[in-house]
Amino acid sequence: MTPAERIPSEPTRLDRRPKRFRRLAIAAAALAAAVIATVAWRATRPAPAPKYETVRVERGRIVAQVTATGTLSALVTVQVGSQVSGRIAKLLVDFNRRTPTAPPPRSTRRWARSRRPRPRSSRRR
């Protein structure tokens, strides 16, 4: 191959990247200018005047009614419980049973007053 054959008859095209980059840069600059112009226009225009509505004063009853359906739930729930150790001498109430607000039976009051155990009688019952 001779050097004359290596030279192409048509000129070779250079890479198109510089033109593409220039186009993208121009488009981005135009978009940025449009955004800046829009923001500046909205910031400088005056706010619309407030609209007032006037009515004649009347006397009457104020009635408020709320109608709703759904389920109510507590905002905060608390777990309540107790731990007691020892032997149970007597259980005078069933589980989950309502109790009257009367004072406790006499035997319980006596036991609460004196914490000492009663002396056992020598007689068996």
N, C-alpha and C. Protein backbone atom coordinates (compact mmCIF):
# COMPACT_ATOMS: atom_id res chain seq x y z
N MET A 1 0.84 -1.15 0.00
CA MET A 1 0.00 0.00 0.00
C MET A 1 0.90 1.24 0.00
N THR A 2 0.63 2.09 -0.88
CA THR A 2 1.44 3.30 -1.01
C THR A 2 0.83 4.39 -0.16
N PRO A 3 1.61 5.42 0.18
CA PRO A 3 1.06 6.48 1.02
C PRO A 3 -0.10 7.20 0.38
N ALA A 4 -0.16 7.25 -0.92
CA ALA A 4 -1.28 7.93 -1.58
C ALA A 4 -2.56 7.16 -1.43
N GLU A 5 -2.48 5.88 -1.32
CA GLU A 5 -3.68 5.07 -1.16
C GLU A 5 -4.26 5.18 0.26
N ARG A 6 -3.41 5.49 1.21
CA ARG A 6 -3.88 5.58 2.59
C ARG A 6 -4.68 6.84 2.84
N ILE A 7 -4.53 7.85 2.08
CA ILE A 7 -5.26 9.09 2.28
C ILE A 7 -6.62 8.92 1.64
N PRO A 8 -7.69 9.10 2.38
CA PRO A 8 -9.03 8.95 1.79
C PRO A 8 -9.33 10.10 0.86
N SER A 9 -10.18 9.83 -0.09
CA SER A 9 -10.53 10.85 -1.06
C SER A 9 -11.50 11.88 -0.43
N GLU A 10 -12.34 11.47 0.49
CA GLU A 10 -13.27 12.38 1.17
C GLU A 10 -12.70 12.78 2.53
N PRO A 11 -13.00 13.99 2.95
CA PRO A 11 -12.50 14.38 4.28
C PRO A 11 -13.24 13.58 5.37
N THR A 12 -12.53 13.21 6.43
CA THR A 12 -13.16 12.46 7.53
C THR A 12 -13.89 13.42 8.45
N ARG A 13 -15.00 12.96 8.97
CA ARG A 13 -15.78 13.79 9.89
C ARG A 13 -15.18 13.69 11.28
N LEU A 14 -15.11 14.80 11.94
CA LEU A 14 -14.64 14.81 13.31
C LEU A 14 -15.79 14.36 14.22
N ASP A 15 -15.47 14.06 15.43
CA ASP A 15 -16.48 13.59 16.38
C ASP A 15 -17.56 14.65 16.58
N ARG A 16 -18.82 14.22 16.69
CA ARG A 16 -19.94 15.14 16.81
C ARG A 16 -20.19 15.55 18.26
N ARG A 17 -19.38 15.11 19.18
CA ARG A 17 -19.60 15.42 20.59
C ARG A 17 -19.57 16.91 20.89
N PRO A 18 -18.67 17.68 20.38
CA PRO A 18 -18.69 19.11 20.72
C PRO A 18 -20.00 19.78 20.31
N LYS A 19 -20.57 19.44 19.16
CA LYS A 19 -21.84 20.04 18.76
C LYS A 19 -22.97 19.57 19.68
N ARG A 20 -22.97 18.29 20.03
CA ARG A 20 -24.01 17.76 20.90
C ARG A 20 -23.90 18.38 22.28
N PHE A 21 -22.69 18.52 22.80
CA PHE A 21 -22.49 19.14 24.10
C PHE A 21 -22.93 20.59 24.09
N ARG A 22 -22.64 21.29 23.01
CA ARG A 22 -23.03 22.69 22.89
C ARG A 22 -24.55 22.81 22.88
N ARG A 23 -25.23 21.92 22.18
CA ARG A 23 -26.70 21.95 22.13
C ARG A 23 -27.29 21.69 23.51
N LEU A 24 -26.73 20.69 24.22
CA LEU A 24 -27.23 20.40 25.57
C LEU A 24 -26.99 21.57 26.51
N ALA A 25 -25.84 22.21 26.40
CA ALA A 25 -25.54 23.35 27.26
C ALA A 25 -26.49 24.50 26.98
N ILE A 26 -26.81 24.73 25.73
CA ILE A 26 -27.74 25.81 25.38
C ILE A 26 -29.15 25.50 25.90
N ALA A 27 -29.56 24.23 25.76
CA ALA A 27 -30.89 23.83 26.24
C ALA A 27 -30.98 23.97 27.76
N ALA A 28 -29.92 23.54 28.48
CA ALA A 28 -29.92 23.65 29.94
C ALA A 28 -29.93 25.11 30.37
N ALA A 29 -29.19 25.96 29.69
CA ALA A 29 -29.17 27.37 30.03
C ALA A 29 -30.53 28.02 29.78
N ALA A 30 -31.20 27.63 28.68
CA ALA A 30 -32.53 28.17 28.38
C ALA A 30 -33.54 27.73 29.44
N LEU A 31 -33.45 26.47 29.86
CA LEU A 31 -34.36 25.96 30.89
C LEU A 31 -34.12 26.68 32.21
N ALA A 32 -32.85 26.86 32.60
CA ALA A 32 -32.53 27.57 33.84
C ALA A 32 -33.02 29.01 33.78
N ALA A 33 -32.86 29.66 32.62
CA ALA A 33 -33.33 31.04 32.49
C ALA A 33 -34.85 31.11 32.61
N ALA A 34 -35.56 30.13 32.05
CA ALA A 34 -37.02 30.11 32.15
C ALA A 34 -37.46 29.92 33.60
N VAL A 35 -36.79 29.04 34.32
CA VAL A 35 -37.14 28.80 35.73
C VAL A 35 -36.88 30.05 36.55
N ILE A 36 -35.73 30.68 36.35
CA ILE A 36 -35.40 31.88 37.10
C ILE A 36 -36.38 33.01 36.79
N ALA A 37 -36.76 33.15 35.53
CA ALA A 37 -37.71 34.20 35.15
C ALA A 37 -39.07 33.95 35.79
N THR A 38 -39.52 32.69 35.82
CA THR A 38 -40.82 32.37 36.42
C THR A 38 -40.80 32.66 37.92
N VAL A 39 -39.75 32.25 38.60
CA VAL A 39 -39.66 32.49 40.05
C VAL A 39 -39.61 33.99 40.34
N ALA A 40 -38.86 34.73 39.56
CA ALA A 40 -38.77 36.18 39.78
C ALA A 40 -40.11 36.86 39.52
N TRP A 41 -40.83 36.43 38.48
CA TRP A 41 -42.13 37.02 38.17
C TRP A 41 -43.13 36.75 39.30
N ARG A 42 -43.14 35.51 39.83
CA ARG A 42 -44.09 35.17 40.90
C ARG A 42 -43.74 35.88 42.19
N ALA A 43 -42.44 36.13 42.42
CA ALA A 43 -42.04 36.78 43.67
C ALA A 43 -42.33 38.28 43.65
N THR A 44 -42.34 38.88 42.47
CA THR A 44 -42.52 40.34 42.41
C THR A 44 -43.95 40.78 42.20
N ARG A 45 -44.84 39.90 41.79
CA ARG A 45 -46.22 40.34 41.56
C ARG A 45 -46.93 40.51 42.90
N PRO A 46 -47.85 41.45 42.99
CA PRO A 46 -48.53 41.72 44.26
C PRO A 46 -49.53 40.59 44.58
N ALA A 47 -49.74 40.40 45.86
CA ALA A 47 -50.70 39.40 46.31
C ALA A 47 -52.11 39.88 45.98
N PRO A 48 -53.03 38.96 45.71
CA PRO A 48 -54.40 39.39 45.41
C PRO A 48 -55.04 40.00 46.65
N ALA A 49 -55.91 40.94 46.42
CA ALA A 49 -56.59 41.64 47.52
C ALA A 49 -57.52 40.67 48.23
N PRO A 50 -57.63 40.77 49.56
CA PRO A 50 -58.53 39.87 50.28
C PRO A 50 -59.98 40.18 49.95
N LYS A 51 -60.79 39.12 49.95
CA LYS A 51 -62.21 39.28 49.67
C LYS A 51 -62.98 39.17 50.98
N TYR A 52 -63.87 40.14 51.23
CA TYR A 52 -64.67 40.15 52.45
C TYR A 52 -66.12 39.88 52.08
N GLU A 53 -66.78 39.16 52.96
CA GLU A 53 -68.21 38.90 52.77
C GLU A 53 -68.93 39.44 53.99
N THR A 54 -69.89 40.28 53.78
CA THR A 54 -70.63 40.87 54.89
C THR A 54 -72.08 40.41 54.83
N VAL A 55 -72.65 40.20 56.01
CA VAL A 55 -74.06 39.80 56.11
C VAL A 55 -74.68 40.58 57.27
N ARG A 56 -76.00 40.64 57.26
CA ARG A 56 -76.73 41.32 58.32
C ARG A 56 -76.76 40.42 59.56
N VAL A 57 -76.63 41.01 60.74
CA VAL A 57 -76.62 40.26 62.00
C VAL A 57 -78.03 39.81 62.32
N GLU A 58 -78.15 38.56 62.74
CA GLU A 58 -79.45 38.01 63.13
C GLU A 58 -79.32 37.33 64.48
N ARG A 59 -80.42 37.35 65.25
CA ARG A 59 -80.45 36.62 66.51
C ARG A 59 -81.05 35.25 66.26
N GLY A 60 -80.52 34.26 66.99
CA GLY A 60 -81.06 32.91 66.84
C GLY A 60 -80.29 31.94 67.72
N ARG A 61 -80.69 30.71 67.67
CA ARG A 61 -80.05 29.67 68.47
C ARG A 61 -78.85 29.13 67.71
N ILE A 62 -77.83 28.82 68.45
CA ILE A 62 -76.66 28.18 67.86
C ILE A 62 -76.82 26.68 68.06
N VAL A 63 -76.80 25.95 66.97
CA VAL A 63 -76.99 24.51 67.04
C VAL A 63 -75.77 23.85 66.42
N ALA A 64 -75.19 22.94 67.18
CA ALA A 64 -74.05 22.17 66.66
C ALA A 64 -74.40 20.70 66.78
N GLN A 65 -74.18 19.98 65.72
CA GLN A 65 -74.50 18.56 65.72
C GLN A 65 -73.34 17.82 65.09
N VAL A 66 -72.92 16.76 65.75
CA VAL A 66 -71.81 15.94 65.25
C VAL A 66 -72.34 14.54 65.05
N THR A 67 -72.14 14.02 63.88
CA THR A 67 -72.55 12.66 63.58
C THR A 67 -71.31 11.90 63.12
N ALA A 68 -71.06 10.77 63.72
CA ALA A 68 -69.87 10.00 63.34
C ALA A 68 -70.14 8.52 63.54
N THR A 69 -69.47 7.73 62.78
CA THR A 69 -69.51 6.29 62.95
C THR A 69 -68.08 5.80 63.04
N GLY A 70 -67.89 4.71 63.70
CA GLY A 70 -66.55 4.15 63.79
C GLY A 70 -66.30 3.57 65.16
N THR A 71 -65.05 3.35 65.43
CA THR A 71 -64.63 2.74 66.69
C THR A 71 -63.79 3.71 67.48
N LEU A 72 -64.08 3.84 68.75
CA LEU A 72 -63.27 4.68 69.63
C LEU A 72 -62.13 3.85 70.19
N SER A 73 -60.97 4.44 70.25
CA SER A 73 -59.83 3.75 70.87
C SER A 73 -59.06 4.77 71.69
N ALA A 74 -58.44 4.29 72.75
CA ALA A 74 -57.70 5.16 73.66
C ALA A 74 -56.40 5.60 73.01
N LEU A 75 -55.97 6.84 73.34
CA LEU A 75 -54.69 7.31 72.85
C LEU A 75 -53.55 6.63 73.58
N VAL A 76 -53.73 6.44 74.89
CA VAL A 76 -52.70 5.80 75.70
C VAL A 76 -53.36 4.68 76.48
N THR A 77 -52.80 3.49 76.44
CA THR A 77 -53.30 2.38 77.25
C THR A 77 -52.26 2.04 78.30
N VAL A 78 -52.71 1.63 79.46
CA VAL A 78 -51.82 1.33 80.57
C VAL A 78 -52.13 -0.07 81.06
N GLN A 79 -51.10 -0.86 81.29
CA GLN A 79 -51.26 -2.18 81.86
C GLN A 79 -51.23 -2.04 83.38
N VAL A 80 -52.25 -2.56 84.04
CA VAL A 80 -52.34 -2.47 85.48
C VAL A 80 -52.31 -3.88 86.04
N GLY A 81 -51.50 -4.11 87.04
CA GLY A 81 -51.43 -5.43 87.65
C GLY A 81 -50.71 -5.35 88.98
N SER A 82 -50.61 -6.47 89.64
CA SER A 82 -49.89 -6.50 90.91
C SER A 82 -49.24 -7.85 91.08
N GLN A 83 -48.21 -7.88 91.91
CA GLN A 83 -47.56 -9.13 92.25
C GLN A 83 -47.54 -9.23 93.77
N VAL A 84 -48.04 -10.34 94.26
CA VAL A 84 -48.11 -10.55 95.70
C VAL A 84 -47.50 -11.91 95.97
N SER A 85 -46.69 -11.98 96.99
CA SER A 85 -46.13 -13.28 97.36
C SER A 85 -46.66 -13.67 98.72
N GLY A 86 -46.78 -14.93 98.97
CA GLY A 86 -47.26 -15.42 100.25
C GLY A 86 -48.44 -16.36 100.05
N ARG A 87 -48.92 -16.86 101.13
CA ARG A 87 -50.04 -17.80 101.09
C ARG A 87 -51.35 -17.05 101.28
N ILE A 88 -52.36 -17.46 100.57
CA ILE A 88 -53.68 -16.85 100.69
C ILE A 88 -54.45 -17.60 101.77
N ALA A 89 -54.85 -16.89 102.82
CA ALA A 89 -55.58 -17.52 103.92
C ALA A 89 -57.03 -17.75 103.52
N LYS A 90 -57.68 -16.71 103.00
CA LYS A 90 -59.08 -16.83 102.57
C LYS A 90 -59.28 -16.00 101.32
N LEU A 91 -60.10 -16.51 100.44
CA LEU A 91 -60.46 -15.76 99.25
C LEU A 91 -61.97 -15.60 99.28
N LEU A 92 -62.43 -14.40 99.55
CA LEU A 92 -63.85 -14.18 99.80
C LEU A 92 -64.63 -13.76 98.56
N VAL A 93 -63.97 -13.67 97.40
CA VAL A 93 -64.63 -13.19 96.19
C VAL A 93 -64.21 -14.07 95.03
N ASP A 94 -65.12 -14.32 94.09
CA ASP A 94 -64.79 -15.05 92.86
C ASP A 94 -64.10 -14.12 91.88
N PHE A 95 -63.39 -14.69 90.95
CA PHE A 95 -62.67 -13.91 89.93
C PHE A 95 -63.66 -13.14 89.06
N ASN A 96 -63.39 -11.85 88.79
CA ASN A 96 -64.20 -10.97 87.95
C ASN A 96 -65.61 -10.76 88.49
N ARG A 97 -65.80 -10.82 89.74
CA ARG A 97 -67.12 -10.61 90.33
C ARG A 97 -67.17 -9.25 90.97
N ARG A 98 -68.30 -8.55 90.82
CA ARG A 98 -68.46 -7.24 91.44
C ARG A 98 -68.59 -7.41 92.95
N THR A 99 -67.99 -6.47 93.65
CA THR A 99 -68.06 -6.51 95.11
C THR A 99 -68.81 -5.28 95.59
N PRO A 100 -69.56 -5.40 96.68
CA PRO A 100 -70.28 -4.24 97.21
C PRO A 100 -69.30 -3.29 97.87
N THR A 101 -69.74 -2.07 98.08
CA THR A 101 -68.87 -1.06 98.69
C THR A 101 -68.98 -1.09 100.22
N ALA A 102 -69.57 -2.12 100.76
CA ALA A 102 -69.71 -2.25 102.22
C ALA A 102 -68.34 -2.56 102.83
N PRO A 103 -68.19 -2.33 104.14
CA PRO A 103 -66.91 -2.66 104.78
C PRO A 103 -66.65 -4.17 104.72
N PRO A 104 -65.40 -4.57 104.80
CA PRO A 104 -65.09 -6.01 104.72
C PRO A 104 -65.65 -6.76 105.91
N PRO A 105 -65.75 -8.07 105.83
CA PRO A 105 -66.29 -8.85 106.96
C PRO A 105 -65.47 -8.63 108.24
N ARG A 106 -66.08 -8.94 109.37
CA ARG A 106 -65.47 -8.67 110.67
C ARG A 106 -64.14 -9.40 110.83
N SER A 107 -64.05 -10.62 110.38
CA SER A 107 -62.82 -11.40 110.57
C SER A 107 -61.66 -10.74 109.82
N THR A 108 -61.89 -10.17 108.67
CA THR A 108 -60.82 -9.54 107.90
C THR A 108 -60.39 -8.24 108.57
N ARG A 109 -61.35 -7.49 109.13
CA ARG A 109 -61.00 -6.24 109.79
C ARG A 109 -60.13 -6.52 111.01
N ARG A 110 -60.45 -7.55 111.76
CA ARG A 110 -59.67 -7.87 112.94
C ARG A 110 -58.25 -8.25 112.53
N TRP A 111 -58.15 -9.01 111.46
CA TRP A 111 -56.83 -9.46 111.01
C TRP A 111 -56.01 -8.27 110.52
N ALA A 112 -56.62 -7.31 109.88
CA ALA A 112 -55.90 -6.16 109.39
C ALA A 112 -55.45 -5.26 110.55
N ARG A 113 -56.21 -5.27 111.67
CA ARG A 113 -55.87 -4.41 112.79
C ARG A 113 -54.65 -4.94 113.53
N SER A 114 -54.61 -6.18 113.83
CA SER A 114 -53.46 -6.75 114.54
C SER A 114 -52.80 -7.77 113.61
N ARG A 115 -51.56 -7.59 113.37
CA ARG A 115 -50.84 -8.46 112.43
C ARG A 115 -50.31 -9.72 113.12
N ARG A 116 -50.52 -9.81 114.42
CA ARG A 116 -50.02 -11.00 115.12
C ARG A 116 -51.03 -12.13 114.98
N PRO A 117 -50.55 -13.35 114.80
CA PRO A 117 -51.49 -14.47 114.72
C PRO A 117 -52.19 -14.68 116.06
N ARG A 118 -53.42 -15.14 115.99
CA ARG A 118 -54.19 -15.39 117.21
C ARG A 118 -53.66 -16.64 117.91
N PRO A 119 -53.65 -16.60 119.22
CA PRO A 119 -53.22 -17.83 119.92
C PRO A 119 -54.27 -18.92 119.73
N ARG A 120 -53.79 -20.13 119.52
CA ARG A 120 -54.73 -21.24 119.32
C ARG A 120 -55.30 -21.69 120.67
N SER A 121 -56.54 -22.00 120.62
CA SER A 121 -57.15 -22.48 121.87
C SER A 121 -56.81 -23.95 122.05
N SER A 122 -56.80 -24.38 123.24
CA SER A 122 -56.46 -25.78 123.50
C SER A 122 -57.60 -26.69 123.10
N ARG A 123 -58.79 -26.15 123.00
CA ARG A 123 -59.96 -26.91 122.59
C ARG A 123 -60.02 -27.05 121.11
N ARG A 124 -60.32 -28.21 120.59
CA ARG A 124 -60.50 -28.40 119.15
C ARG A 124 -61.98 -28.27 118.82
N ARG A 125 -62.26 -27.74 117.71
CA ARG A 125 -63.65 -27.57 117.30
C ARG A 125 -64.08 -28.66 116.41
